[in-house]
Amino acid sequence: MSLILIPEPTAIAGEQFYLLGLLHRILSLTKSATVTPGSIASLATYTTTITVTGAVAGQTVLIGPPAALQAGLVPFGVVTAANTVTLSIYNSTAGALTPASASWNVRVMA
């Protein structure tokens, strides 16, 4: 078996600034918010909105739930309007669940 070494590509100054700008934009579209859902009935969904300045409908949303998220709860997020992410928490269990108030992280991928 032969080992082929591929040289690292040479970055052009404009590309470096583009990548730094893109990284800054991705990181700037990150928000933490305290969410207090209360009781979520069986097979029901709790929703709340979180303001994420710069978010545009159609962009991908990544949700960072708290570490102690109860089994059976399924979180998801959608940019529903300019600067607005709707966080939804679906209860997939046969009984009501009451998640604790906690900090959630939202990141919109530009």
C-alpha atoms as a PDB file:
ATOM      1  CA  MET A   1       0.000   0.000   0.000  1.00  0.00           C
ATOM      2  CA  SER A   2       1.303   3.445  -0.949  1.00  0.00           C
ATOM      3  CA  LEU A   3       0.879   6.566   1.083  1.00  0.00           C
ATOM      4  CA  ILE A   4      -0.020   9.618  -0.945  1.00  0.00           C
ATOM      5  CA  LEU A   5       0.513  12.976   0.692  1.00  0.00           C
ATOM      6  CA  ILE A   6      -1.774  15.742  -0.461  1.00  0.00           C
ATOM      7  CA  PRO A   7      -0.508  19.235   0.275  1.00  0.00           C
ATOM      8  CA  GLU A   8      -2.686  21.556   2.309  1.00  0.00           C
ATOM      9  CA  PRO A   9      -4.427  24.036   0.027  1.00  0.00           C
ATOM     10  CA  THR A  10      -3.149  27.571   0.039  1.00  0.00           C
ATOM     11  CA  ALA A  11      -5.785  29.906   1.401  1.00  0.00           C
ATOM     12  CA  ILE A  12      -6.435  33.134  -0.395  1.00  0.00           C
ATOM     13  CA  ALA A  13      -6.817  36.160   1.890  1.00  0.00           C
ATOM     14  CA  GLY A  14     -10.415  36.737   0.723  1.00  0.00           C
ATOM     15  CA  GLU A  15     -11.333  33.134   1.549  1.00  0.00           C
ATOM     16  CA  GLN A  16      -9.969  33.540   5.066  1.00  0.00           C
ATOM     17  CA  PHE A  17     -12.109  36.625   5.647  1.00  0.00           C
ATOM     18  CA  TYR A  18     -15.124  34.853   4.147  1.00  0.00           C
ATOM     19  CA  LEU A  19     -14.672  31.884   6.503  1.00  0.00           C
ATOM     20  CA  LEU A  20     -14.188  34.163   9.513  1.00  0.00           C
ATOM     21  CA  GLY A  21     -17.313  36.112   8.548  1.00  0.00           C
ATOM     22  CA  LEU A  22     -19.298  32.906   8.130  1.00  0.00           C
ATOM     23  CA  LEU A  23     -18.105  31.583  11.496  1.00  0.00           C
ATOM     24  CA  HIS A  24     -18.994  34.895  13.159  1.00  0.00           C
ATOM     25  CA  ARG A  25     -22.477  34.809  11.582  1.00  0.00           C
ATOM     26  CA  ILE A  26     -23.116  31.240  12.754  1.00  0.00           C
ATOM     27  CA  LEU A  27     -21.967  32.027  16.283  1.00  0.00           C
ATOM     28  CA  SER A  28     -23.955  35.272  16.373  1.00  0.00           C
ATOM     29  CA  LEU A  29     -27.157  33.361  15.583  1.00  0.00           C
ATOM     30  CA  THR A  30     -26.940  31.548  18.924  1.00  0.00           C
ATOM     31  CA  LYS A  31     -29.217  32.237  21.848  1.00  0.00           C
ATOM     32  CA  SER A  32     -29.794  30.775  25.323  1.00  0.00           C
ATOM     33  CA  ALA A  33     -33.190  31.105  26.959  1.00  0.00           C
ATOM     34  CA  THR A  34     -34.810  29.842  30.125  1.00  0.00           C
ATOM     35  CA  VAL A  35     -37.867  27.759  29.270  1.00  0.00           C
ATOM     36  CA  THR A  36     -40.533  26.809  31.820  1.00  0.00           C
ATOM     37  CA  PRO A  37     -42.997  24.520  30.018  1.00  0.00           C
ATOM     38  CA  GLY A  38     -45.206  23.429  32.916  1.00  0.00           C
ATOM     39  CA  SER A  39     -47.188  20.225  32.452  1.00  0.00           C
ATOM     40  CA  ILE A  40     -47.269  18.777  28.911  1.00  0.00           C
ATOM     41  CA  ALA A  41     -50.166  16.380  28.369  1.00  0.00           C
ATOM     42  CA  SER A  42     -49.692  12.958  26.791  1.00  0.00           C
ATOM     43  CA  LEU A  43     -49.060  13.215  23.031  1.00  0.00           C
ATOM     44  CA  ALA A  44     -49.213  17.032  23.236  1.00  0.00           C
ATOM     45  CA  THR A  45     -46.727  19.726  22.248  1.00  0.00           C
ATOM     46  CA  TYR A  46     -45.573  22.763  24.218  1.00  0.00           C
ATOM     47  CA  THR A  47     -44.353  25.705  22.119  1.00  0.00           C
ATOM     48  CA  THR A  48     -42.622  28.980  22.882  1.00  0.00           C
ATOM     49  CA  THR A  49     -40.777  31.540  20.809  1.00  0.00           C
ATOM     50  CA  ILE A  50     -37.196  32.705  21.224  1.00  0.00           C
ATOM     51  CA  THR A  51     -35.824  35.827  19.560  1.00  0.00           C
ATOM     52  CA  VAL A  52     -32.686  35.108  17.527  1.00  0.00           C
ATOM     53  CA  THR A  53     -31.662  38.290  15.732  1.00  0.00           C
ATOM     54  CA  GLY A  54     -30.795  37.604  12.098  1.00  0.00           C
ATOM     55  CA  ALA A  55     -32.744  34.344  11.797  1.00  0.00           C
ATOM     56  CA  VAL A  56     -34.597  33.930   8.503  1.00  0.00           C
ATOM     57  CA  ALA A  57     -37.444  31.509   7.729  1.00  0.00           C
ATOM     58  CA  GLY A  58     -36.151  28.351   6.079  1.00  0.00           C
ATOM     59  CA  GLN A  59     -32.841  28.218   7.947  1.00  0.00           C
ATOM     60  CA  THR A  60     -31.875  25.118   9.923  1.00  0.00           C
ATOM     61  CA  VAL A  61     -32.285  25.230  13.706  1.00  0.00           C
ATOM     62  CA  LEU A  62     -30.227  23.179  16.155  1.00  0.00           C
ATOM     63  CA  ILE A  63     -31.661  22.745  19.651  1.00  0.00           C
ATOM     64  CA  GLY A  64     -29.501  22.184  22.728  1.00  0.00           C
ATOM     65  CA  PRO A  65     -31.816  20.859  25.444  1.00  0.00           C
ATOM     66  CA  PRO A  66     -30.792  20.733  29.094  1.00  0.00           C
ATOM     67  CA  ALA A  67     -28.785  17.688  30.143  1.00  0.00           C
ATOM     68  CA  ALA A  68     -31.607  16.495  32.411  1.00  0.00           C
ATOM     69  CA  LEU A  69     -34.288  16.316  29.697  1.00  0.00           C
ATOM     70  CA  GLN A  70     -36.895  13.716  30.669  1.00  0.00           C
ATOM     71  CA  ALA A  71     -37.215  10.556  28.587  1.00  0.00           C
ATOM     72  CA  GLY A  72     -40.106  10.785  26.142  1.00  0.00           C
ATOM     73  CA  LEU A  73     -39.725  14.504  25.433  1.00  0.00           C
ATOM     74  CA  VAL A  74     -38.759  15.343  21.841  1.00  0.00           C
ATOM     75  CA  PRO A  75     -37.535  18.906  21.166  1.00  0.00           C
ATOM     76  CA  PHE A  76     -37.395  20.596  17.777  1.00  0.00           C
ATOM     77  CA  GLY A  77     -37.156  24.133  16.466  1.00  0.00           C
ATOM     78  CA  VAL A  78     -38.153  26.081  13.370  1.00  0.00           C
ATOM     79  CA  VAL A  79     -37.548  29.657  12.246  1.00  0.00           C
ATOM     80  CA  THR A  80     -41.187  30.757  11.943  1.00  0.00           C
ATOM     81  CA  ALA A  81     -40.606  34.445  11.153  1.00  0.00           C
ATOM     82  CA  ALA A  82     -37.761  36.906  10.858  1.00  0.00           C
ATOM     83  CA  ASN A  83     -35.749  36.840  14.107  1.00  0.00           C
ATOM     84  CA  THR A  84     -38.105  34.268  15.648  1.00  0.00           C
ATOM     85  CA  VAL A  85     -37.428  30.619  16.461  1.00  0.00           C
ATOM     86  CA  THR A  86     -40.325  28.499  17.685  1.00  0.00           C
ATOM     87  CA  LEU A  87     -39.118  25.854  20.142  1.00  0.00           C
ATOM     88  CA  SER A  88     -41.474  22.891  20.459  1.00  0.00           C
ATOM     89  CA  ILE A  89     -41.311  20.074  23.014  1.00  0.00           C
ATOM     90  CA  TYR A  90     -43.424  17.012  22.181  1.00  0.00           C
ATOM     91  CA  ASN A  91     -44.450  14.564  24.923  1.00  0.00           C
ATOM     92  CA  SER A  92     -44.428  11.102  23.323  1.00  0.00           C
ATOM     93  CA  THR A  93     -45.403   9.245  26.499  1.00  0.00           C
ATOM     94  CA  ALA A  94     -48.763   7.896  27.711  1.00  0.00           C
ATOM     95  CA  GLY A  95     -48.864  10.323  30.660  1.00  0.00           C
ATOM     96  CA  ALA A  96     -48.369  14.002  31.379  1.00  0.00           C
ATOM     97  CA  LEU A  97     -44.789  15.205  32.003  1.00  0.00           C
ATOM     98  CA  THR A  98     -43.636  18.384  33.731  1.00  0.00           C
ATOM     99  CA  PRO A  99     -40.102  19.316  32.664  1.00  0.00           C
ATOM    100  CA  ALA A 100     -38.156  21.521  35.041  1.00  0.00           C
ATOM    101  CA  SER A 101     -37.448  25.114  34.149  1.00  0.00           C
ATOM    102  CA  ALA A 102     -34.066  25.069  32.396  1.00  0.00           C
ATOM    103  CA  SER A 103     -31.752  26.865  30.016  1.00  0.00           C
ATOM    104  CA  TRP A 104     -32.046  25.819  26.365  1.00  0.00           C
ATOM    105  CA  ASN A 105     -29.616  26.694  23.579  1.00  0.00           C
ATOM    106  CA  VAL A 106     -30.764  27.551  20.064  1.00  0.00           C
ATOM    107  CA  ARG A 107     -28.453  27.905  17.063  1.00  0.00           C
ATOM    108  CA  VAL A 108     -29.644  28.963  13.634  1.00  0.00           C
ATOM    109  CA  MET A 109     -27.429  27.817  10.799  1.00  0.00           C
ATOM    110  CA  ALA A 110     -27.113  30.604   8.244  1.00  0.00           C
END
